[in-house]
C-alpha atoms as a PDB file:
ATOM      1  CA  ALA A   1     -12.620 -27.930  -4.368  1.00  0.00           C
ATOM      2  CA  ARG A   2     -15.939 -28.148  -6.083  1.00  0.00           C
ATOM      3  CA  VAL A   3     -14.181 -28.868  -9.414  1.00  0.00           C
ATOM      4  CA  GLY A   4     -11.550 -30.977  -8.068  1.00  0.00           C
ATOM      5  CA  LEU A   5      -8.631 -28.439  -7.879  1.00  0.00           C
ATOM      6  CA  ASP A   6      -8.119 -28.526  -4.036  1.00  0.00           C
ATOM      7  CA  TYR A   7      -4.578 -29.643  -2.778  1.00  0.00           C
ATOM      8  CA  ALA A   8      -5.881 -32.875  -1.692  1.00  0.00           C
ATOM      9  CA  THR A   9      -6.801 -33.967  -5.194  1.00  0.00           C
ATOM     10  CA  LEU A  10      -4.119 -32.274  -6.972  1.00  0.00           C
ATOM     11  CA  SER A  11      -1.170 -33.697  -4.511  1.00  0.00           C
ATOM     12  CA  ARG A  12      -2.262 -37.086  -5.141  1.00  0.00           C
ATOM     13  CA  GLU A  13      -0.510 -37.277  -8.579  1.00  0.00           C
ATOM     14  CA  ARG A  14       1.836 -34.505  -7.722  1.00  0.00           C
ATOM     15  CA  PRO A  15       2.975 -34.952  -4.407  1.00  0.00           C
ATOM     16  CA  ASP A  16       5.576 -32.043  -5.254  1.00  0.00           C
ATOM     17  CA  VAL A  17       2.955 -29.241  -5.970  1.00  0.00           C
ATOM     18  CA  ILE A  18       2.909 -26.152  -3.764  1.00  0.00           C
ATOM     19  CA  MET A  19      -0.449 -24.421  -3.291  1.00  0.00           C
ATOM     20  CA  TYR A  20      -1.091 -20.995  -1.960  1.00  0.00           C
ATOM     21  CA  SER A  21      -4.467 -20.165  -0.732  1.00  0.00           C
ATOM     22  CA  THR A  22      -5.512 -16.728   0.671  1.00  0.00           C
ATOM     23  CA  CYS A  23      -8.845 -15.782   1.712  1.00  0.00           C
ATOM     24  CA  ILE A  24     -10.402 -13.406   4.757  1.00  0.00           C
ATOM     25  CA  ARG A  25     -10.756 -16.112   7.247  1.00  0.00           C
ATOM     26  CA  GLY A  26      -8.663 -18.926   6.117  1.00  0.00           C
ATOM     27  CA  GLN A  27      -9.416 -22.597   4.666  1.00  0.00           C
ATOM     28  CA  VAL A  28     -10.463 -23.956   8.318  1.00  0.00           C
ATOM     29  CA  GLY A  29     -12.409 -22.606  10.961  1.00  0.00           C
ATOM     30  CA  PRO A  30     -16.120 -21.435  11.385  1.00  0.00           C
ATOM     31  CA  GLU A  31     -15.865 -18.746   9.250  1.00  0.00           C
ATOM     32  CA  ARG A  32     -13.661 -20.376   6.411  1.00  0.00           C
ATOM     33  CA  TYR A  33     -16.593 -19.461   4.039  1.00  0.00           C
ATOM     34  CA  PHE A  34     -16.493 -15.818   4.945  1.00  0.00           C
ATOM     35  CA  PRO A  35     -16.661 -13.728   1.779  1.00  0.00           C
ATOM     36  CA  GLY A  36     -14.914 -10.279   1.634  1.00  0.00           C
ATOM     37  CA  THR A  37     -11.948  -8.282   0.702  1.00  0.00           C
ATOM     38  CA  GLY A  38      -9.021  -6.590   2.204  1.00  0.00           C
ATOM     39  CA  ALA A  39     -11.499  -3.900   3.714  1.00  0.00           C
ATOM     40  CA  GLN A  40     -13.318  -6.316   5.800  1.00  0.00           C
ATOM     41  CA  GLY A  41     -10.000  -8.014   6.712  1.00  0.00           C
ATOM     42  CA  ALA A  42      -8.648  -4.735   8.062  1.00  0.00           C
ATOM     43  CA  ALA A  43     -11.874  -4.366  10.158  1.00  0.00           C
ATOM     44  CA  LEU A  44     -11.649  -7.914  11.426  1.00  0.00           C
ATOM     45  CA  CYS A  45      -7.933  -7.627  12.405  1.00  0.00           C
ATOM     46  CA  GLY A  46      -8.624  -4.609  14.635  1.00  0.00           C
ATOM     47  CA  MET A  47      -7.410  -1.796  12.093  1.00  0.00           C
ATOM     48  CA  GLY A  48     -10.804  -0.379  11.799  1.00  0.00           C
ATOM     49  CA  ALA A  49     -11.261   0.438  15.210  1.00  0.00           C
ATOM     50  CA  ILE A  50      -7.821   2.499  15.682  1.00  0.00           C
ATOM     51  CA  THR A  51      -8.226   4.461  12.294  1.00  0.00           C
ATOM     52  CA  GLY A  52      -9.715   7.901  12.226  1.00  0.00           C
ATOM     53  CA  TRP A  53     -10.216  10.828  14.801  1.00  0.00           C
ATOM     54  CA  PRO A  54     -10.542  10.310  18.617  1.00  0.00           C
ATOM     55  CA  ASP A  55     -14.133  12.207  18.579  1.00  0.00           C
ATOM     56  CA  ARG A  56     -15.398  10.549  15.357  1.00  0.00           C
ATOM     57  CA  PRO A  57     -16.622   6.763  14.641  1.00  0.00           C
ATOM     58  CA  PRO A  58     -13.904   4.695  13.023  1.00  0.00           C
ATOM     59  CA  CYS A  59     -13.482   5.088   9.474  1.00  0.00           C
ATOM     60  CA  ASN A  60     -11.200   1.988   8.867  1.00  0.00           C
ATOM     61  CA  VAL A  61      -8.003   1.992   6.608  1.00  0.00           C
ATOM     62  CA  HIS A  62      -7.936   3.191   3.081  1.00  0.00           C
ATOM     63  CA  GLY A  63      -8.361   0.584   0.501  1.00  0.00           C
ATOM     64  CA  ALA A  64      -8.217  -3.092   0.859  1.00  0.00           C
ATOM     65  CA  TYR A  65      -5.443  -2.912   3.242  1.00  0.00           C
ATOM     66  CA  THR A  66      -4.852  -6.744   4.011  1.00  0.00           C
ATOM     67  CA  ASP A  67      -4.428  -7.134   0.408  1.00  0.00           C
ATOM     68  CA  VAL A  68      -1.231  -5.241   0.521  1.00  0.00           C
ATOM     69  CA  ILE A  69       0.042  -7.015   3.752  1.00  0.00           C
ATOM     70  CA  VAL A  70      -0.452 -10.445   2.618  1.00  0.00           C
ATOM     71  CA  PRO A  71       1.855 -10.710  -0.551  1.00  0.00           C
ATOM     72  CA  ARG A  72       4.863  -9.771   1.693  1.00  0.00           C
ATOM     73  CA  TYR A  73       4.333 -12.957   3.723  1.00  0.00           C
ATOM     74  CA  GLY A  74       3.222 -15.002   0.970  1.00  0.00           C
ATOM     75  CA  VAL A  75       6.294 -14.413  -1.013  1.00  0.00           C
ATOM     76  CA  SER A  76       8.433 -15.645   1.774  1.00  0.00           C
ATOM     77  CA  LEU A  77       6.310 -18.583   2.703  1.00  0.00           C
ATOM     78  CA  ILE A  78       6.371 -19.750  -1.342  1.00  0.00           C
ATOM     79  CA  ALA A  79       9.951 -19.370  -1.300  1.00  0.00           C
ATOM     80  CA  SER A  80      10.545 -21.422   1.981  1.00  0.00           C
ATOM     81  CA  ALA A  81       8.144 -24.155   0.454  1.00  0.00           C
ATOM     82  CA  LEU A  82      10.445 -24.207  -2.544  1.00  0.00           C
ATOM     83  CA  ILE A  83      13.437 -24.450  -0.637  1.00  0.00           C
ATOM     84  CA  ASN A  84      11.758 -27.085   1.585  1.00  0.00           C
ATOM     85  CA  ARG A  85      10.703 -29.203  -1.534  1.00  0.00           C
ATOM     86  CA  LYS A  86      14.279 -29.083  -2.997  1.00  0.00           C
ATOM     87  CA  ARG A  87      15.265 -30.918   0.303  1.00  0.00           C
ATOM     88  CA  THR A  88      12.524 -33.410   0.483  1.00  0.00           C
ATOM     89  CA  GLY A  89      10.819 -33.477  -2.881  1.00  0.00           C
ATOM     90  CA  LEU A  90       7.626 -32.624  -1.339  1.00  0.00           C
ATOM     91  CA  GLY A  91       5.272 -29.856  -1.764  1.00  0.00           C
ATOM     92  CA  GLN A  92       2.799 -28.541   0.642  1.00  0.00           C
ATOM     93  CA  HIS A  93      -0.229 -26.225   1.018  1.00  0.00           C
ATOM     94  CA  ILE A  94       0.045 -22.751   2.359  1.00  0.00           C
ATOM     95  CA  ASP A  95      -2.984 -21.614   4.130  1.00  0.00           C
ATOM     96  CA  MET A  96      -3.137 -17.886   4.712  1.00  0.00           C
ATOM     97  CA  ALA A  97      -5.813 -16.086   6.220  1.00  0.00           C
ATOM     98  CA  GLN A  98      -5.857 -12.130   5.425  1.00  0.00           C
ATOM     99  CA  VAL A  99      -6.759 -11.082   9.016  1.00  0.00           C
ATOM    100  CA  GLU A 100      -3.797 -13.053  10.517  1.00  0.00           C
ATOM    101  CA  PRO A 101      -0.955 -11.291   8.709  1.00  0.00           C
ATOM    102  CA  GLY A 102      -3.003  -8.082   9.585  1.00  0.00           C
ATOM    103  CA  ILE A 103      -3.038  -8.757  13.231  1.00  0.00           C
ATOM    104  CA  ARG A 104       0.770  -9.206  13.022  1.00  0.00           C
ATOM    105  CA  PHE A 105       1.062  -5.593  11.868  1.00  0.00           C
ATOM    106  CA  LEU A 106      -0.599  -4.532  15.100  1.00  0.00           C
ATOM    107  CA  GLU A 107       1.797  -6.825  17.496  1.00  0.00           C
ATOM    108  CA  PRO A 108       3.039  -3.700  19.393  1.00  0.00           C
ATOM    109  CA  LEU A 109      -0.331  -2.764  20.140  1.00  0.00           C
ATOM    110  CA  LEU A 110      -1.396  -6.143  21.312  1.00  0.00           C
ATOM    111  CA  LEU A 111       1.757  -6.118  23.539  1.00  0.00           C
ATOM    112  CA  ASP A 112       0.974  -2.900  24.939  1.00  0.00           C
ATOM    113  CA  TYR A 113      -2.651  -4.006  25.910  1.00  0.00           C
ATOM    114  CA  THR A 114      -1.287  -7.306  27.455  1.00  0.00           C
ATOM    115  CA  VAL A 115       1.525  -5.933  29.454  1.00  0.00           C
ATOM    116  CA  ASN A 116       0.444  -2.687  30.195  1.00  0.00           C
ATOM    117  CA  GLY A 117      -3.362  -2.688  29.833  1.00  0.00           C
ATOM    118  CA  ARG A 118      -3.595   0.225  27.532  1.00  0.00           C
ATOM    119  CA  VAL A 119      -6.209  -0.135  24.910  1.00  0.00           C
ATOM    120  CA  ALA A 120      -5.212   1.442  21.401  1.00  0.00           C
ATOM    121  CA  LYS A 121      -7.528   4.349  20.305  1.00  0.00           C
ATOM    122  CA  PRO A 122      -7.875   6.277  17.023  1.00  0.00           C
ATOM    123  CA  MET A 123      -5.370   9.066  16.993  1.00  0.00           C
ATOM    124  CA  GLY A 124      -6.132  11.195  13.894  1.00  0.00           C
ATOM    125  CA  GLN A 125      -2.971  12.065  12.453  1.00  0.00           C
ATOM    126  CA  ALA A 126      -0.809  11.510  15.645  1.00  0.00           C
ATOM    127  CA  SER A 127       1.496   8.730  15.769  1.00  0.00           C
ATOM    128  CA  LEU A 128       3.414   6.978  18.638  1.00  0.00           C
ATOM    129  CA  TYR A 129       6.704   7.114  16.992  1.00  0.00           C
ATOM    130  CA  SER A 130       7.001  10.810  15.783  1.00  0.00           C
ATOM    131  CA  CYS A 131       5.959  14.423  16.918  1.00  0.00           C
ATOM    132  CA  PRO A 132       5.014  16.811  15.530  1.00  0.00           C
ATOM    133  CA  ARG A 133       3.398  14.888  12.559  1.00  0.00           C
ATOM    134  CA  GLY A 134       0.666  15.987  10.644  1.00  0.00           C
ATOM    135  CA  VAL A 135      -0.573  17.826   7.278  1.00  0.00           C
ATOM    136  CA  TYR A 136      -0.858  21.488   7.381  1.00  0.00           C
ATOM    137  CA  ARG A 137      -2.702  24.093   5.191  1.00  0.00           C
ATOM    138  CA  THR A 138      -0.506  26.654   3.238  1.00  0.00           C
ATOM    139  CA  GLN A 139      -1.110  29.337   0.833  1.00  0.00           C
ATOM    140  CA  GLY A 140      -3.400  28.795  -2.104  1.00  0.00           C
ATOM    141  CA  THR A 141      -6.503  26.490  -2.511  1.00  0.00           C
ATOM    142  CA  GLU A 142      -6.366  22.827  -0.928  1.00  0.00           C
ATOM    143  CA  ARG A 143      -2.370  23.296  -0.620  1.00  0.00           C
ATOM    144  CA  HIS A 144      -0.888  21.360   2.172  1.00  0.00           C
ATOM    145  CA  VAL A 145       2.380  20.149   3.422  1.00  0.00           C
ATOM    146  CA  ALA A 146       2.952  16.823   5.320  1.00  0.00           C
ATOM    147  CA  ILE A 147       5.534  17.127   8.133  1.00  0.00           C
ATOM    148  CA  GLU A 148       6.786  14.552  10.332  1.00  0.00           C
ATOM    149  CA  VAL A 149       9.566  14.408  13.194  1.00  0.00           C
ATOM    150  CA  GLU A 150      10.975  11.187  14.577  1.00  0.00           C
ATOM    151  CA  THR A 151      14.354  12.116  15.769  1.00  0.00           C
ATOM    152  CA  ALA A 152      16.252  14.716  17.901  1.00  0.00           C
ATOM    153  CA  ALA A 153      18.232  15.602  14.823  1.00  0.00           C
ATOM    154  CA  GLN A 154      15.047  16.302  12.953  1.00  0.00           C
ATOM    155  CA  TRP A 155      13.615  18.138  15.522  1.00  0.00           C
ATOM    156  CA  ARG A 156      16.435  20.584  15.818  1.00  0.00           C
ATOM    157  CA  ALA A 157      16.294  20.844  11.881  1.00  0.00           C
ATOM    158  CA  LEU A 158      12.666  21.972  12.304  1.00  0.00           C
ATOM    159  CA  ARG A 159      13.561  24.241  14.915  1.00  0.00           C
ATOM    160  CA  SER A 160      16.089  25.936  12.664  1.00  0.00           C
ATOM    161  CA  VAL A 161      13.122  26.418   9.757  1.00  0.00           C
ATOM    162  CA  ALA A 162      10.232  27.218  11.715  1.00  0.00           C
ATOM    163  CA  PRO A 163       9.706  29.930  14.378  1.00  0.00           C
ATOM    164  CA  LEU A 164       9.262  27.657  17.280  1.00  0.00           C
ATOM    165  CA  ASP A 165      11.178  29.806  19.956  1.00  0.00           C
ATOM    166  CA  ALA A 166       8.642  28.830  22.510  1.00  0.00           C
ATOM    167  CA  PHE A 167       9.886  25.287  22.324  1.00  0.00           C
ATOM    168  CA  ALA A 168      13.554  25.750  22.742  1.00  0.00           C
ATOM    169  CA  ASP A 169      13.770  23.723  25.783  1.00  0.00           C
ATOM    170  CA  PRO A 170      16.460  21.129  25.240  1.00  0.00           C
ATOM    171  CA  SER A 171      14.179  18.550  27.010  1.00  0.00           C
ATOM    172  CA  LEU A 172      12.177  18.532  23.758  1.00  0.00           C
ATOM    173  CA  ASP A 173      14.987  16.395  21.828  1.00  0.00           C
ATOM    174  CA  ALA A 174      13.306  13.692  23.623  1.00  0.00           C
ATOM    175  CA  LEU A 175      10.016  12.257  21.818  1.00  0.00           C
ATOM    176  CA  ASP A 176       8.058  11.667  25.195  1.00  0.00           C
ATOM    177  CA  ALA A 177       8.482  15.232  26.111  1.00  0.00           C
ATOM    178  CA  ARG A 178       7.178  16.698  22.628  1.00  0.00           C
ATOM    179  CA  MET A 179       4.452  14.266  22.907  1.00  0.00           C
ATOM    180  CA  ALA A 180       3.185  16.049  25.968  1.00  0.00           C
ATOM    181  CA  LYS A 181       3.268  19.215  23.919  1.00  0.00           C
ATOM    182  CA  ARG A 182       1.449  17.991  20.785  1.00  0.00           C
ATOM    183  CA  SER A 183      -1.569  20.226  20.802  1.00  0.00           C
ATOM    184  CA  GLU A 184       0.663  23.387  21.370  1.00  0.00           C
ATOM    185  CA  LEU A 185       3.260  22.186  18.469  1.00  0.00           C
ATOM    186  CA  ASP A 186       0.296  21.475  16.185  1.00  0.00           C
ATOM    187  CA  ALA A 187      -1.050  24.889  16.944  1.00  0.00           C
ATOM    188  CA  ALA A 188       2.173  26.530  16.320  1.00  0.00           C
ATOM    189  CA  LEU A 189       2.822  24.601  13.025  1.00  0.00           C
ATOM    190  CA  THR A 190      -0.690  25.296  11.813  1.00  0.00           C
ATOM    191  CA  ALA A 191      -0.426  29.160  12.211  1.00  0.00           C
ATOM    192  CA  TRP A 192       3.310  29.306  10.527  1.00  0.00           C
ATOM    193  CA  CYS A 193       2.422  27.049   7.511  1.00  0.00           C
ATOM    194  CA  ALA A 194      -0.798  29.001   6.491  1.00  0.00           C
ATOM    195  CA  ASP A 195       1.245  31.825   5.355  1.00  0.00           C
ATOM    196  CA  GLN A 196       3.875  29.599   3.484  1.00  0.00           C
ATOM    197  CA  VAL A 197       3.917  28.496  -0.224  1.00  0.00           C
ATOM    198  CA  ALA A 198       3.611  24.637  -0.161  1.00  0.00           C
ATOM    199  CA  GLU A 199       6.432  23.961  -2.601  1.00  0.00           C
ATOM    200  CA  ASP A 200       8.848  26.416  -1.189  1.00  0.00           C
ATOM    201  CA  LEU A 201       8.341  25.108   2.523  1.00  0.00           C
ATOM    202  CA  ALA A 202       8.657  21.337   1.501  1.00  0.00           C
ATOM    203  CA  ALA A 203      11.978  22.111  -0.172  1.00  0.00           C
ATOM    204  CA  ARG A 204      13.358  24.189   2.892  1.00  0.00           C
ATOM    205  CA  LEU A 205      12.415  21.712   5.184  1.00  0.00           C
ATOM    206  CA  LYS A 206      13.932  18.567   3.405  1.00  0.00           C
ATOM    207  CA  THR A 207      17.037  20.716   2.792  1.00  0.00           C
ATOM    208  CA  ALA A 208      17.208  21.314   6.349  1.00  0.00           C
ATOM    209  CA  GLY A 209      16.701  17.498   7.142  1.00  0.00           C
ATOM    210  CA  VAL A 210      13.075  17.475   7.979  1.00  0.00           C
ATOM    211  CA  PRO A 211      10.914  14.919   6.299  1.00  0.00           C
ATOM    212  CA  ALA A 212       8.442  16.750   4.542  1.00  0.00           C
ATOM    213  CA  SER A 213       6.319  16.783   1.162  1.00  0.00           C
ATOM    214  CA  VAL A 214       3.780  18.736  -0.844  1.00  0.00           C
ATOM    215  CA  ALA A 215       0.517  16.846  -0.746  1.00  0.00           C
ATOM    216  CA  TYR A 216       0.206  16.376  -4.408  1.00  0.00           C
ATOM    217  CA  PHE A 217      -2.928  16.311  -6.428  1.00  0.00           C
ATOM    218  CA  PRO A 218      -2.857  13.241  -8.613  1.00  0.00           C
ATOM    219  CA  SER A 219      -2.898  15.306 -11.415  1.00  0.00           C
ATOM    220  CA  GLU A 220       0.573  17.106 -10.523  1.00  0.00           C
ATOM    221  CA  LEU A 221       2.261  13.731 -10.563  1.00  0.00           C
ATOM    222  CA  TYR A 222       2.807  13.786 -14.422  1.00  0.00           C
ATOM    223  CA  THR A 223       5.207  16.747 -13.874  1.00  0.00           C
ATOM    224  CA  GLU A 224       6.885  15.878 -10.572  1.00  0.00           C
ATOM    225  CA  PRO A 225      10.692  15.957 -11.054  1.00  0.00           C
ATOM    226  CA  ASN A 226      11.622  12.775  -9.567  1.00  0.00           C
ATOM    227  CA  LEU A 227       8.745  10.721 -11.492  1.00  0.00           C
ATOM    228  CA  VAL A 228       9.884  12.588 -14.583  1.00  0.00           C
ATOM    229  CA  GLN A 229      13.414  12.060 -13.962  1.00  0.00           C
ATOM    230  CA  ARG A 230      12.835   8.293 -13.342  1.00  0.00           C
ATOM    231  CA  GLU A 231      10.306   7.917 -16.468  1.00  0.00           C
ATOM    232  CA  PHE A 232       7.669   6.329 -14.302  1.00  0.00           C
ATOM    233  CA  PHE A 233       4.675   7.439 -16.580  1.00  0.00           C
ATOM    234  CA  VAL A 234       4.762   5.647 -20.045  1.00  0.00           C
ATOM    235  CA  PRO A 235       2.810   7.198 -22.863  1.00  0.00           C
ATOM    236  CA  LEU A 236       0.863   4.391 -24.799  1.00  0.00           C
ATOM    237  CA  LYS A 237      -1.456   4.404 -27.481  1.00  0.00           C
ATOM    238  CA  HIS A 238      -5.149   3.158 -26.654  1.00  0.00           C
ATOM    239  CA  GLY A 239      -7.400   2.002 -29.019  1.00  0.00           C
ATOM    240  CA  GLU A 240     -10.234   4.421 -28.076  1.00  0.00           C
ATOM    241  CA  MET A 241      -8.588   7.121 -25.911  1.00  0.00           C
ATOM    242  CA  GLY A 242      -5.238   7.906 -27.844  1.00  0.00           C
ATOM    243  CA  VAL A 243      -1.981   8.362 -26.326  1.00  0.00           C
ATOM    244  CA  ILE A 244      -2.082   8.703 -22.852  1.00  0.00           C
ATOM    245  CA  PRO A 245       0.284   8.223 -19.907  1.00  0.00           C
ATOM    246  CA  TYR A 246       0.225   5.009 -17.800  1.00  0.00           C
ATOM    247  CA  ASP A 247       1.871   4.096 -14.296  1.00  0.00           C
ATOM    248  CA  GLY A 248       5.041   2.389 -15.029  1.00  0.00           C
ATOM    249  CA  LEU A 249       6.385  -0.588 -13.338  1.00  0.00           C
ATOM    250  CA  PRO A 250       6.981  -0.025  -9.725  1.00  0.00           C
ATOM    251  CA  THR A 251       9.999  -2.111  -9.384  1.00  0.00           C
ATOM    252  CA  ARG A 252      13.172  -1.974 -11.345  1.00  0.00           C
ATOM    253  CA  TYR A 253      15.449  -4.706 -12.155  1.00  0.00           C
ATOM    254  CA  SER A 254      19.031  -3.866 -13.166  1.00  0.00           C
ATOM    255  CA  ALA A 255      19.767  -6.776 -15.291  1.00  0.00           C
ATOM    256  CA  THR A 256      16.121  -7.530 -16.473  1.00  0.00           C
ATOM    257  CA  PRO A 257      14.417  -4.244 -16.686  1.00  0.00           C
ATOM    258  CA  GLY A 258      10.886  -4.417 -17.547  1.00  0.00           C
ATOM    259  CA  LYS A 259       9.013  -2.271 -20.084  1.00  0.00           C
ATOM    260  CA  LEU A 260       5.359  -1.446 -20.766  1.00  0.00           C
ATOM    261  CA  ARG A 261       4.790  -2.217 -24.347  1.00  0.00           C
ATOM    262  CA  LYS A 262       0.977  -1.929 -25.101  1.00  0.00           C
ATOM    263  CA  ALA A 263      -1.901  -0.111 -23.798  1.00  0.00           C
ATOM    264  CA  PRO A 264      -4.785  -2.219 -22.109  1.00  0.00           C
ATOM    265  CA  PRO A 265      -6.851  -3.606 -24.942  1.00  0.00           C
ATOM    266  CA  CYS A 266     -10.422  -2.541 -25.890  1.00  0.00           C
ATOM    267  CA  LEU A 267     -13.126  -5.257 -25.373  1.00  0.00           C
ATOM    268  CA  GLY A 268     -12.205  -8.030 -28.178  1.00  0.00           C
ATOM    269  CA  GLU A 269      -9.284  -6.139 -29.731  1.00  0.00           C
ATOM    270  CA  ASP A 270      -6.994  -9.283 -29.248  1.00  0.00           C
ATOM    271  CA  THR A 271      -9.215 -12.156 -29.415  1.00  0.00           C
ATOM    272  CA  HIS A 272      -8.256 -12.869 -33.188  1.00  0.00           C
ATOM    273  CA  ARG A 273      -4.688 -12.797 -32.336  1.00  0.00           C
ATOM    274  CA  VAL A 274      -4.851 -15.046 -29.345  1.00  0.00           C
ATOM    275  CA  LEU A 275      -6.861 -17.760 -31.237  1.00  0.00           C
ATOM    276  CA  ARG A 276      -4.870 -17.635 -34.192  1.00  0.00           C
ATOM    277  CA  ASP A 277      -1.415 -17.145 -33.059  1.00  0.00           C
ATOM    278  CA  LEU A 278      -1.279 -18.667 -29.598  1.00  0.00           C
ATOM    279  CA  LEU A 279      -3.908 -21.130 -29.827  1.00  0.00           C
ATOM    280  CA  GLY A 280      -3.419 -22.126 -33.305  1.00  0.00           C
ATOM    281  CA  LEU A 281      -6.797 -21.797 -34.685  1.00  0.00           C
ATOM    282  CA  SER A 282      -7.423 -21.870 -38.583  1.00  0.00           C
ATOM    283  CA  ASP A 283      -9.263 -18.431 -39.832  1.00  0.00           C
ATOM    284  CA  GLU A 284     -12.263 -20.853 -40.595  1.00  0.00           C
ATOM    285  CA  GLU A 285     -12.316 -21.976 -37.356  1.00  0.00           C
ATOM    286  CA  ILE A 286     -12.426 -18.636 -36.033  1.00  0.00           C
ATOM    287  CA  VAL A 287     -14.925 -17.380 -38.173  1.00  0.00           C
ATOM    288  CA  ALA A 288     -17.268 -20.516 -37.412  1.00  0.00           C
ATOM    289  CA  TYR A 289     -17.093 -19.700 -33.571  1.00  0.00           C
ATOM    290  CA  ALA A 290     -17.804 -16.003 -34.586  1.00  0.00           C
ATOM    291  CA  ALA A 291     -20.941 -17.189 -36.381  1.00  0.00           C
ATOM    292  CA  ALA A 292     -21.802 -19.452 -33.386  1.00  0.00           C
ATOM    293  CA  ASP A 293     -21.849 -16.160 -31.160  1.00  0.00           C
ATOM    294  CA  VAL A 294     -18.987 -17.731 -29.143  1.00  0.00           C
ATOM    295  CA  LEU A 295     -16.731 -14.591 -29.459  1.00  0.00           C
ATOM    296  CA  ARG A 296     -18.378 -11.934 -27.563  1.00  0.00           C
END
């Protein structure tokens, strides 16, 4: 708005313009100038207070979490605005505060409070929707396997692999019944997993139908079979570091597949090409800018 690029100004000459604004607290309200990132957004919307261990202070969610949530809503809103413009010829200003979609992610907990009076608390690795659920240490240095059971079928599959004879009661097919024995189940799985090899254990569990995975170190991802098969990592030559693998595109389109073609540039690497080939400046003009210390 300070430089005349606000919606009110732009829409005077272009009533069909669609503007999408997103910040922590939105474009109106007493905290519209509140600065911050998704980390603050996650804390403001209530996520921080329920993340962590029950006997420790909150630790907030990892990363700028509302940054991840907001685009999912934003895409649908922009698509809706485009459909409306096709019908009416008019654009509109979309005002999305990052905190508000974050609150929508907590709706079940908000309803649980308003209807049942229960206040959500940090649960560590536990979940309202699965049990057992956790990351368990296995053989080796810092080797772990993540295991989660949501359904009765998954529970029976886990029992077919793990020595859980003490939990053979058919009533434990129900999630609520397993929740009541969460600590005992975790203790039994902790003791069993400690003597297992992470990769072998995860493979056996998955084969049986139990959601499970090795907790990989980032360096191991370069040889992870599924990522290798999908050719996710793309080797590209960097101007300073040489040939190194880069993360590939997370979305694959069948008709228009994308491809990484160039490593990130070093400082100033593409300046001459952009000025000459894209902006149409002559070599003499570029030299003059360089001599005037414009190009840094």
